[in-house]
Amino acid sequence: MVRRIRILVLLLVSGVSVAVSGADNSVSANDESHSSLPDLASESAKKEEQENKGKTFKEQGANYFINSATQGFDNLTPEALESQARGYIQGQVTSSAQSYLEGMLSPYGKVRTSLSIGEGGDLDGSSLDYFIPWYDNQSTLFFSQISAQRKEDRTIGNVGLGVRQNVGNWLLGGNAFYDYDFTRGHRRLGLGTEAWTDYLKFSGNYYHPLSDWKDSKDFDFYEERPARGWDIRMESWLPFYPQLGAKLVYEQYYGDEVALFGTDNLQKDPHAVTVGLNYTPVPLVTVGTDYKAGTGDSNDFSVNATVNYQIGTPLAAQLDPENVKIQHSLMGSRTDFVDRNNFIVLEYREKDPLDVTLWLKADATNEHPECVIEDTPEAAVGLEKCKWTVNALINHHYKIISASWQAKNNAARTLVMPVVKADALTAGTNIRWNLVLPAWVNADTEEQRTALSTWKVRMPLEDEKGNTQNSGGVE
């Protein structure tokens, strides 16, 4: 662990040193040292490519299983052969799909793909990014970026516009993104800034929810929406060995219950720090590991591999290790992808766990035709000379343990209220009560009549979780 930390610190410090001293000198000064590095191309991969050249998919598959079987007699078991077949087919499908996606897009821009096919055929963990430079005069760059990803059973799309401007030895930029969750309908706005130079990048992003609360598909009696948050990101590469890089990310989100580390670990205003190492043997491919630690004991470790295909650039150039150094230079990175969190982090809140509404309704046994018989608070109308019932509309998630009446009586008389039982309210079998009013009393003035013959009634409730609620009063 100490050794890994030393490597990470060395990478970050090296990148900062290059930014301070000037990027152009670093590039020219390291040409000779870079030429002494070992050849990063795989001889076995070249040999396999030559052997498979001109062969059909069927012939390649046959050779694969024959070679695998000859490596050990145990591979001839049905279970081993099934595992070999599944792995080979998934690899071929992934490779073919990536090639198709990269080829179908326009002849301009860059494509970054990371495809993952599970045993059930799902694409969870897969992503696709497409960078389009609309205008570039080598000083000012206007671009758009389109992304899509499948993660945690959600499909999320991102569309962004941005501008980058050369200022001395730095590339400064800004961008705006619209994020949409196709699975759940969440919407989010993202605003970002960038400051890049040779072998060093700084990025910052702000995320703001655009959609309101929706019923959660992760929890019962909960609502969800995009969480508000921000992050600061840093990437650095060794000037004398640019294939090796590191990154540092700090992110902060706000909300009482936020799923920064997944729905199994909801936290209040969580934050996290991510450190990572990455290796780019050739411009086309990058592999890396990330360690993420946050509030409390929350942590996460991941391994990732991405294909960065630049449309219109010869494949030989994208497989040349010498071009990695150019890729991380100021001019070489001007069309790099925006560094942001394309995944919409959600916050959750419990629905109102307890709610009660009271209203008066004319009793069905009334002899007066002018009495209105309705079952909703909006339609209930109070009329004189009618027999009344008190009705309750109660929404609750948990068992009701306490219920009672609160009646505001006038000074002269007391209103006798019917019996109310908490268990019956929980079961929904006791939500209507006959109300017996004292005789109406006349008086000399309207104010006196109102004071003598008007009562206000409400019902306070409490559930087993300690939630309390008072109904609105009926008069």
Protein backbone atom coordinates (compact mmCIF):
# COMPACT_ATOMS: atom_id res chain seq x y z
CA MET A 1 0.00 0.00 0.00
CA VAL A 2 2.85 2.42 0.86
CA ARG A 3 4.51 1.64 -2.47
CA ARG A 4 1.30 2.47 -4.36
CA ILE A 5 0.98 5.79 -2.52
CA ARG A 6 4.58 6.68 -3.41
CA ILE A 7 3.92 5.98 -7.09
CA LEU A 8 0.74 8.07 -7.03
CA VAL A 9 2.48 11.03 -5.35
CA LEU A 10 5.35 10.81 -7.85
CA LEU A 11 2.91 10.95 -10.77
CA LEU A 12 0.97 13.94 -9.45
CA VAL A 13 4.07 15.91 -8.46
CA SER A 14 5.69 15.20 -11.81
CA GLY A 15 2.69 16.54 -13.69
CA VAL A 16 2.60 19.73 -11.62
CA SER A 17 6.35 20.25 -12.12
CA VAL A 18 5.95 20.07 -15.88
CA ALA A 19 3.10 22.59 -15.80
CA VAL A 20 5.26 25.08 -13.89
CA SER A 21 8.44 24.68 -15.92
CA GLY A 22 6.74 24.75 -19.36
CA ALA A 23 5.37 21.91 -21.41
CA ASP A 24 7.29 22.39 -24.67
CA ASN A 25 10.69 21.91 -23.06
CA SER A 26 9.48 18.73 -21.40
CA VAL A 27 8.40 17.19 -24.67
CA SER A 28 11.66 17.88 -26.51
CA ALA A 29 13.89 16.96 -23.60
CA ASN A 30 12.42 13.52 -23.23
CA ASP A 31 12.57 12.34 -26.87
CA GLU A 32 15.88 10.60 -26.31
CA SER A 33 14.96 9.04 -22.97
CA HIS A 34 11.66 7.76 -24.35
CA SER A 35 13.41 5.99 -27.24
CA SER A 36 15.29 3.85 -24.76
CA LEU A 37 12.05 2.45 -23.27
CA PRO A 38 11.20 -1.19 -24.04
CA ASP A 39 8.98 -1.98 -27.03
CA LEU A 40 5.44 -2.10 -25.63
CA ALA A 41 3.98 -4.06 -28.58
CA SER A 42 3.14 -7.69 -27.84
CA GLU A 43 5.03 -10.19 -30.02
CA SER A 44 2.50 -12.90 -29.21
CA ALA A 45 -0.35 -10.62 -30.27
CA LYS A 46 1.39 -9.90 -33.58
CA LYS A 47 1.98 -13.59 -34.16
CA GLU A 48 -1.67 -14.40 -33.43
CA GLU A 49 -2.81 -11.64 -35.77
CA GLN A 50 -0.68 -13.05 -38.61
CA GLU A 51 -1.98 -16.56 -37.99
CA ASN A 52 -5.64 -15.43 -38.02
CA LYS A 53 -5.22 -13.21 -41.06
CA GLY A 54 -7.52 -14.38 -43.85
CA LYS A 55 -9.29 -16.97 -41.69
CA THR A 56 -13.03 -17.03 -41.18
CA PHE A 57 -14.69 -16.63 -37.79
CA LYS A 58 -15.43 -20.38 -37.79
CA GLU A 59 -11.77 -21.26 -38.45
CA GLN A 60 -10.56 -18.86 -35.76
CA GLY A 61 -13.01 -20.35 -33.27
CA ALA A 62 -11.88 -23.89 -34.05
CA ASN A 63 -8.22 -22.97 -33.58
CA TYR A 64 -9.08 -21.25 -30.29
CA PHE A 65 -10.70 -24.32 -28.76
CA ILE A 66 -8.01 -26.69 -30.09
CA ASN A 67 -5.24 -24.56 -28.61
CA SER A 68 -7.12 -24.18 -25.32
CA ALA A 69 -7.73 -27.91 -25.05
CA THR A 70 -4.11 -28.85 -25.77
CA GLN A 71 -2.95 -26.66 -22.90
CA GLY A 72 -4.36 -29.13 -20.39
CA PHE A 73 -6.36 -32.34 -20.36
CA ASP A 74 -8.79 -30.83 -17.82
CA ASN A 75 -10.04 -28.45 -20.50
CA LEU A 76 -11.68 -31.39 -22.28
CA THR A 77 -14.39 -31.68 -19.59
CA PRO A 78 -17.88 -30.51 -20.65
CA GLU A 79 -17.92 -27.79 -17.98
CA ALA A 80 -14.57 -26.38 -19.05
CA LEU A 81 -15.48 -26.44 -22.74
CA GLU A 82 -18.77 -24.65 -22.01
CA SER A 83 -16.90 -21.96 -20.06
CA GLN A 84 -14.35 -21.60 -22.88
CA ALA A 85 -17.13 -21.28 -25.47
CA ARG A 86 -19.02 -18.68 -23.46
CA GLY A 87 -15.92 -16.56 -22.91
CA TYR A 88 -14.86 -16.77 -26.55
CA ILE A 89 -18.29 -15.83 -27.91
CA GLN A 90 -18.67 -12.92 -25.50
CA GLY A 91 -15.23 -11.65 -26.48
CA GLN A 92 -16.00 -11.88 -30.20
CA VAL A 93 -19.39 -10.19 -29.82
CA THR A 94 -17.90 -7.38 -27.74
CA SER A 95 -15.07 -6.83 -30.22
CA SER A 96 -17.43 -6.86 -33.22
CA ALA A 97 -19.90 -4.49 -31.54
CA GLN A 98 -17.17 -2.00 -30.69
CA SER A 99 -15.83 -2.07 -34.25
CA TYR A 100 -19.34 -1.53 -35.63
CA LEU A 101 -20.07 1.41 -33.32
CA GLU A 102 -16.77 3.04 -34.17
CA GLY A 103 -17.28 2.59 -37.91
CA MET A 104 -20.90 3.73 -38.16
CA LEU A 105 -20.26 7.21 -36.74
CA SER A 106 -19.16 10.17 -38.81
CA PRO A 107 -15.60 10.45 -40.19
CA TYR A 108 -14.85 13.17 -37.64
CA GLY A 109 -14.30 13.08 -33.92
CA LYS A 110 -13.35 10.48 -31.35
CA VAL A 111 -15.15 7.44 -30.01
CA ARG A 112 -14.61 5.87 -26.60
CA THR A 113 -16.26 2.54 -25.90
CA SER A 114 -16.39 0.25 -22.92
CA LEU A 115 -18.64 -2.75 -23.56
CA SER A 116 -19.48 -5.38 -20.98
CA ILE A 117 -21.76 -8.35 -21.71
CA GLY A 118 -23.00 -10.35 -18.74
CA GLU A 119 -24.01 -13.99 -18.70
CA GLY A 120 -27.63 -12.95 -19.11
CA GLY A 121 -26.83 -10.84 -22.15
CA ASP A 122 -27.26 -7.50 -20.36
CA LEU A 123 -24.98 -4.53 -21.02
CA ASP A 124 -24.68 -3.32 -17.42
CA GLY A 125 -21.40 -1.45 -17.02
CA SER A 126 -21.10 -0.52 -20.70
CA SER A 127 -20.66 3.02 -22.00
CA LEU A 128 -20.21 4.91 -25.26
CA ASP A 129 -18.84 8.45 -25.73
CA TYR A 130 -18.63 10.43 -28.96
CA PHE A 131 -16.64 13.70 -29.20
CA ILE A 132 -17.31 15.99 -32.19
CA PRO A 133 -15.07 19.03 -32.85
CA TRP A 134 -17.27 21.40 -34.86
CA TYR A 135 -14.76 24.24 -35.22
CA ASP A 136 -11.02 24.22 -34.53
CA ASN A 137 -8.53 26.84 -35.70
CA GLN A 138 -5.76 25.46 -33.43
CA SER A 139 -6.49 28.25 -30.96
CA THR A 140 -10.24 28.03 -30.33
CA LEU A 141 -12.22 24.80 -30.29
CA PHE A 142 -16.02 24.43 -30.26
CA PHE A 143 -17.25 20.91 -29.66
CA SER A 144 -20.10 18.67 -28.60
CA GLN A 145 -20.03 15.40 -26.70
CA ILE A 146 -22.69 12.68 -26.69
CA SER A 147 -22.57 9.84 -24.18
CA ALA A 148 -24.66 6.86 -23.16
CA GLN A 149 -24.17 4.26 -20.46
CA ARG A 150 -25.90 1.36 -18.79
CA LYS A 151 -25.32 1.08 -15.06
CA GLU A 152 -27.30 -0.29 -12.10
CA ASP A 153 -30.18 -1.23 -14.44
CA ARG A 154 -30.49 2.37 -15.64
CA THR A 155 -29.78 3.76 -19.12
CA ILE A 156 -28.49 7.33 -19.04
CA GLY A 157 -27.76 9.70 -21.92
CA ASN A 158 -25.70 12.90 -21.90
CA VAL A 159 -25.51 15.71 -24.47
CA GLY A 160 -23.06 18.58 -24.01
CA LEU A 161 -21.60 21.63 -25.73
CA GLY A 162 -18.27 23.23 -24.91
CA VAL A 163 -15.50 25.60 -25.90
CA ARG A 164 -11.73 25.44 -25.32
CA GLN A 165 -9.25 28.28 -25.80
CA ASN A 166 -5.44 28.29 -25.83
CA VAL A 167 -4.06 30.80 -23.32
CA GLY A 168 -0.27 30.64 -23.25
CA ASN A 169 0.80 27.17 -22.17
CA TRP A 170 -2.71 26.34 -20.94
CA LEU A 171 -5.95 25.20 -22.53
CA LEU A 172 -8.94 26.76 -20.74
CA GLY A 173 -12.51 25.70 -21.35
CA GLY A 174 -16.11 25.51 -20.24
CA ASN A 175 -19.04 23.21 -21.01
CA ALA A 176 -22.71 22.57 -20.29
CA PHE A 177 -24.44 19.17 -20.27
CA TYR A 178 -28.00 17.89 -20.23
CA ASP A 179 -28.28 14.47 -18.56
CA TYR A 180 -31.35 12.26 -18.96
CA ASP A 181 -32.26 8.96 -17.32
CA PHE A 182 -34.18 7.02 -19.98
CA THR A 183 -35.19 4.38 -17.45
CA ARG A 184 -36.71 6.62 -14.78
CA GLY A 185 -37.17 10.02 -16.43
CA HIS A 186 -34.73 11.99 -14.26
CA ARG A 187 -33.18 15.16 -15.72
CA ARG A 188 -30.04 17.00 -14.62
CA LEU A 189 -27.97 20.04 -15.68
CA GLY A 190 -24.18 19.96 -15.58
CA LEU A 191 -21.78 22.91 -15.81
CA GLY A 192 -18.03 22.37 -16.10
CA THR A 193 -14.69 24.18 -16.31
CA GLU A 194 -11.30 22.95 -17.53
CA ALA A 195 -7.64 24.02 -17.23
CA TRP A 196 -5.20 21.73 -19.03
CA THR A 197 -1.52 21.79 -19.92
CA ASP A 198 1.16 19.25 -20.84
CA TYR A 199 0.79 16.08 -18.75
CA LEU A 200 -1.63 17.77 -16.34
CA LYS A 201 -5.40 18.39 -16.29
CA PHE A 202 -7.72 20.16 -13.85
CA SER A 203 -11.51 19.92 -14.21
CA GLY A 204 -14.47 20.99 -12.11
CA ASN A 205 -18.17 20.18 -12.47
CA TYR A 206 -21.45 21.24 -10.88
CA TYR A 207 -24.59 19.06 -11.07
CA HIS A 208 -28.08 20.47 -10.55
CA PRO A 209 -31.41 18.55 -10.59
CA LEU A 210 -33.96 19.61 -13.21
CA SER A 211 -36.66 17.01 -12.51
CA ASP A 212 -38.78 16.90 -9.38
CA TRP A 213 -39.38 14.06 -6.94
CA LYS A 214 -40.74 10.80 -8.38
CA ASP A 215 -41.89 7.55 -6.81
CA SER A 216 -38.77 5.49 -6.16
CA LYS A 217 -38.25 2.16 -7.88
CA ASP A 218 -35.62 1.20 -5.31
CA PHE A 219 -37.59 1.61 -2.07
CA ASP A 220 -41.21 1.38 -0.98
CA PHE A 221 -42.76 4.59 0.40
CA TYR A 222 -39.85 6.65 -0.96
CA GLU A 223 -39.33 9.30 -3.63
CA GLU A 224 -36.16 10.00 -5.62
CA ARG A 225 -34.59 12.72 -7.74
CA PRO A 226 -31.09 13.70 -9.00
CA ALA A 227 -28.82 14.85 -6.20
CA ARG A 228 -27.19 18.27 -6.26
CA GLY A 229 -23.41 18.12 -6.11
CA TRP A 230 -20.00 19.07 -7.49
CA ASP A 231 -16.54 17.61 -8.02
CA ILE A 232 -12.92 18.61 -8.67
CA ARG A 233 -10.73 16.36 -10.80
CA MET A 234 -7.00 16.13 -11.50
CA GLU A 235 -5.09 13.92 -13.93
CA SER A 236 -1.32 13.71 -14.36
CA TRP A 237 1.21 11.65 -16.34
CA LEU A 238 4.95 11.08 -15.94
CA PRO A 239 6.78 13.29 -18.48
CA PHE A 240 9.60 10.75 -18.85
CA TYR A 241 7.15 7.81 -19.12
CA PRO A 242 3.76 9.20 -20.26
CA GLN A 243 2.21 5.74 -20.53
CA LEU A 244 1.76 5.80 -16.73
CA GLY A 245 -0.71 8.23 -15.20
CA ALA A 246 -2.70 8.95 -12.07
CA LYS A 247 -5.87 10.76 -11.11
CA LEU A 248 -7.38 12.36 -8.03
CA VAL A 249 -11.09 13.19 -7.63
CA TYR A 250 -12.99 14.87 -4.80
CA GLU A 251 -16.79 14.88 -5.03
CA GLN A 252 -19.52 16.23 -2.76
CA TYR A 253 -23.28 15.70 -2.96
CA TYR A 254 -26.10 17.11 -0.84
CA GLY A 255 -29.24 15.54 0.59
CA ASP A 256 -30.44 13.61 3.64
CA GLU A 257 -30.25 10.23 1.88
CA VAL A 258 -27.91 10.15 -1.13
CA ALA A 259 -26.78 6.98 -2.96
CA LEU A 260 -23.19 8.01 -3.76
CA PHE A 261 -22.07 4.48 -2.86
CA GLY A 262 -25.20 2.70 -4.05
CA THR A 263 -28.71 2.19 -2.74
CA ASP A 264 -27.49 -0.11 0.03
CA ASN A 265 -25.58 2.75 1.66
CA LEU A 266 -27.63 5.96 1.74
CA GLN A 267 -25.80 8.86 3.42
CA LYS A 268 -26.40 12.47 4.42
CA ASP A 269 -24.35 15.00 2.40
CA PRO A 270 -21.78 12.36 1.37
CA HIS A 271 -18.35 13.08 -0.04
CA ALA A 272 -15.71 10.82 -1.56
CA VAL A 273 -12.08 10.86 -2.67
CA THR A 274 -10.96 8.69 -5.58
CA VAL A 275 -7.34 7.89 -6.42
CA GLY A 276 -6.43 5.90 -9.49
CA LEU A 277 -3.61 4.62 -11.65
CA ASN A 278 -3.85 4.07 -15.39
CA TYR A 279 -1.61 2.61 -18.07
CA THR A 280 -1.79 3.52 -21.77
CA PRO A 281 0.52 1.24 -23.79
CA VAL A 282 -0.77 2.73 -27.06
CA PRO A 283 -3.17 5.65 -27.70
CA LEU A 284 -5.98 3.24 -28.56
CA VAL A 285 -6.20 1.42 -25.22
CA THR A 286 -6.13 2.46 -21.55
CA VAL A 287 -6.42 0.21 -18.50
CA GLY A 288 -6.58 1.34 -14.89
CA THR A 289 -7.66 0.83 -11.32
CA ASP A 290 -9.56 3.21 -9.03
CA TYR A 291 -9.98 3.24 -5.25
CA LYS A 292 -12.83 5.33 -3.88
CA ALA A 293 -13.23 6.13 -0.17
CA GLY A 294 -15.93 8.28 1.36
CA THR A 295 -18.00 9.13 4.39
CA GLY A 296 -17.69 6.59 7.19
CA ASP A 297 -16.41 3.20 6.08
CA SER A 298 -17.69 3.52 2.51
CA ASN A 299 -15.20 2.44 -0.14
CA ASP A 300 -15.10 0.93 -3.60
CA PHE A 301 -12.43 -0.62 -5.82
CA SER A 302 -12.78 -0.99 -9.58
CA VAL A 303 -10.77 -2.10 -12.60
CA ASN A 304 -11.53 -0.57 -15.97
CA ALA A 305 -10.46 -0.81 -19.61
CA THR A 306 -11.41 1.58 -22.40
CA VAL A 307 -10.90 1.84 -26.15
CA ASN A 308 -10.24 5.39 -27.42
CA TYR A 309 -10.71 5.34 -31.18
CA GLN A 310 -10.06 8.52 -33.19
CA ILE A 311 -12.03 8.43 -36.42
CA GLY A 312 -9.99 9.45 -39.43
CA THR A 313 -6.63 8.64 -37.80
CA PRO A 314 -4.81 5.60 -39.23
CA LEU A 315 -4.98 2.60 -36.95
CA ALA A 316 -1.20 2.21 -37.15
CA ALA A 317 -0.79 5.65 -35.56
CA GLN A 318 -3.21 4.72 -32.77
CA LEU A 319 -1.18 1.57 -32.07
CA ASP A 320 2.17 3.41 -32.00
CA PRO A 321 3.55 3.73 -28.43
CA GLU A 322 5.50 6.83 -29.47
CA ASN A 323 2.24 8.73 -29.95
CA VAL A 324 1.25 8.37 -26.29
CA LYS A 325 3.58 11.26 -25.46
CA ILE A 326 1.87 13.45 -28.07
CA GLN A 327 -1.55 12.38 -26.79
CA HIS A 328 -0.85 13.89 -23.35
CA SER A 329 0.66 17.11 -24.68
CA LEU A 330 -1.25 20.38 -24.74
CA MET A 331 -2.11 20.21 -28.44
CA GLY A 332 -2.59 16.46 -28.47
CA SER A 333 -5.22 16.55 -25.69
CA ARG A 334 -7.32 19.45 -26.99
CA THR A 335 -9.95 17.02 -28.33
CA ASP A 336 -10.00 14.79 -25.24
CA PHE A 337 -13.31 13.87 -23.62
CA VAL A 338 -14.75 16.05 -20.88
CA ASP A 339 -13.89 14.60 -17.48
CA ARG A 340 -17.16 14.43 -15.51
CA ASN A 341 -19.56 12.01 -13.82
CA ASN A 342 -22.06 11.07 -16.53
CA PHE A 343 -24.00 8.86 -14.09
CA ILE A 344 -26.90 10.60 -12.32
CA VAL A 345 -26.47 10.16 -8.55
CA LEU A 346 -29.85 10.03 -6.79
CA GLU A 347 -31.09 11.29 -3.46
CA TYR A 348 -34.11 9.80 -1.69
CA ARG A 349 -36.72 10.92 0.80
CA GLU A 350 -39.49 9.09 2.58
CA LYS A 351 -43.00 9.95 1.52
CA ASP A 352 -45.21 11.57 4.14
CA PRO A 353 -45.44 8.54 6.43
CA LEU A 354 -48.67 9.70 8.07
CA ASP A 355 -51.44 11.91 6.78
CA VAL A 356 -55.06 12.39 7.82
CA THR A 357 -57.86 14.50 6.36
CA LEU A 358 -61.27 15.02 8.01
CA TRP A 359 -64.47 16.26 6.43
CA LEU A 360 -68.18 16.36 7.23
CA LYS A 361 -70.69 14.56 5.08
CA ALA A 362 -74.46 14.46 5.18
CA ASP A 363 -75.63 11.10 6.51
CA ALA A 364 -77.43 8.81 4.07
CA THR A 365 -80.43 8.51 6.43
CA ASN A 366 -81.33 12.18 6.04
CA GLU A 367 -84.92 12.92 5.08
CA HIS A 368 -84.02 16.29 3.55
CA PRO A 369 -83.33 16.19 -0.23
CA GLU A 370 -81.05 19.21 0.01
CA CYS A 371 -78.49 17.20 1.98
CA VAL A 372 -75.55 16.29 -0.28
CA ILE A 373 -74.28 12.71 -0.09
CA GLU A 374 -70.65 12.60 -1.32
CA ASP A 375 -67.54 10.61 -0.44
CA THR A 376 -64.80 13.14 -1.13
CA PRO A 377 -63.71 16.17 0.90
CA GLU A 378 -63.99 18.40 -2.18
CA ALA A 379 -67.64 17.50 -2.87
CA ALA A 380 -68.91 17.47 0.71
CA VAL A 381 -71.15 20.46 1.40
CA GLY A 382 -72.52 21.36 4.79
CA LEU A 383 -76.22 22.18 5.06
CA GLU A 384 -78.48 22.84 8.02
CA LYS A 385 -81.05 20.30 9.22
CA CYS A 386 -78.88 17.39 8.11
CA LYS A 387 -77.51 14.50 10.08
CA TRP A 388 -73.73 14.44 9.80
CA THR A 389 -70.90 11.96 9.81
CA VAL A 390 -67.23 12.75 10.34
CA ASN A 391 -65.11 11.07 7.65
CA ALA A 392 -61.36 10.45 7.68
CA LEU A 393 -58.97 9.86 4.80
CA ILE A 394 -55.82 8.32 6.31
CA ASN A 395 -52.58 7.46 4.53
CA HIS A 396 -50.07 5.56 6.61
CA HIS A 397 -47.04 3.30 6.10
CA TYR A 398 -46.79 1.93 9.61
CA LYS A 399 -49.10 0.79 12.38
CA ILE A 400 -51.09 3.55 14.08
CA ILE A 401 -50.66 3.32 17.85
CA SER A 402 -52.45 6.45 19.04
CA ALA A 403 -55.57 8.29 17.88
CA SER A 404 -57.93 10.68 19.60
CA TRP A 405 -60.27 13.61 19.10
CA GLN A 406 -59.60 17.23 19.87
CA ALA A 407 -62.75 19.35 19.97
CA LYS A 408 -62.87 23.06 20.65
CA ASN A 409 -66.02 23.60 22.69
CA ASN A 410 -67.81 26.80 23.48
CA ALA A 411 -68.03 27.96 27.05
CA ALA A 412 -71.59 26.82 27.64
CA ARG A 413 -71.73 23.29 26.18
CA THR A 414 -69.57 20.26 25.42
CA LEU A 415 -69.49 18.25 22.18
CA VAL A 416 -69.53 14.51 22.79
CA MET A 417 -67.25 12.74 20.27
CA PRO A 418 -67.55 9.12 19.09
CA VAL A 419 -65.03 6.44 20.05
CA VAL A 420 -61.95 6.11 17.81
CA LYS A 421 -59.62 3.06 17.89
CA ALA A 422 -56.03 3.08 16.61
CA ASP A 423 -56.07 -0.59 15.52
CA ALA A 424 -59.25 -0.03 13.51
CA LEU A 425 -57.68 2.97 11.79
CA THR A 426 -54.66 0.86 10.82
CA ALA A 427 -56.95 -1.80 9.35
CA GLY A 428 -59.05 0.84 7.60
CA THR A 429 -62.28 -0.38 9.19
CA ASN A 430 -63.03 2.67 11.33
CA ILE A 431 -62.91 5.82 9.20
CA ARG A 432 -66.47 7.16 9.56
CA TRP A 433 -68.30 8.26 12.70
CA ASN A 434 -71.78 9.58 13.38
CA LEU A 435 -71.65 12.99 14.98
CA VAL A 436 -74.40 14.04 17.40
CA LEU A 437 -74.51 17.80 17.73
CA PRO A 438 -76.21 19.55 20.64
CA ALA A 439 -79.38 21.43 19.88
CA TRP A 440 -78.93 24.63 17.98
CA VAL A 441 -79.23 27.71 20.20
CA ASN A 442 -80.59 30.99 18.97
CA ALA A 443 -79.23 34.34 20.05
CA ASP A 444 -79.76 38.01 19.41
CA THR A 445 -76.75 38.53 17.15
CA GLU A 446 -74.97 36.50 14.47
CA GLU A 447 -71.76 36.60 16.47
CA GLN A 448 -73.49 35.12 19.53
CA ARG A 449 -75.22 32.41 17.48
CA THR A 450 -71.87 31.42 15.92
CA ALA A 451 -70.17 31.25 19.31
CA LEU A 452 -72.90 29.07 20.84
CA SER A 453 -73.46 26.63 17.97
CA THR A 454 -70.04 26.20 16.33
CA TRP A 455 -67.49 23.48 17.13
CA LYS A 456 -64.08 22.71 15.66
CA VAL A 457 -62.86 19.11 15.58
CA ARG A 458 -59.52 17.58 14.59
CA MET A 459 -57.77 14.22 14.98
CA PRO A 460 -54.10 13.79 16.06
CA LEU A 461 -52.39 10.48 15.14
CA GLU A 462 -49.10 8.77 15.96
CA ASP A 463 -47.58 5.67 14.32
CA GLU A 464 -45.13 3.06 15.59
CA LYS A 465 -42.15 4.96 14.13
CA GLY A 466 -42.95 8.05 16.18
CA ASN A 467 -44.38 10.04 13.27
CA THR A 468 -47.19 12.37 14.34
CA GLN A 469 -49.79 14.22 12.32
CA ASN A 470 -52.78 16.42 13.06
CA SER A 471 -55.68 16.57 10.68
CA GLY A 472 -57.05 19.85 9.51
CA GLY A 473 -60.02 20.95 11.56
CA VAL A 474 -63.65 20.60 10.51
CA GLU A 475 -66.17 23.16 11.67
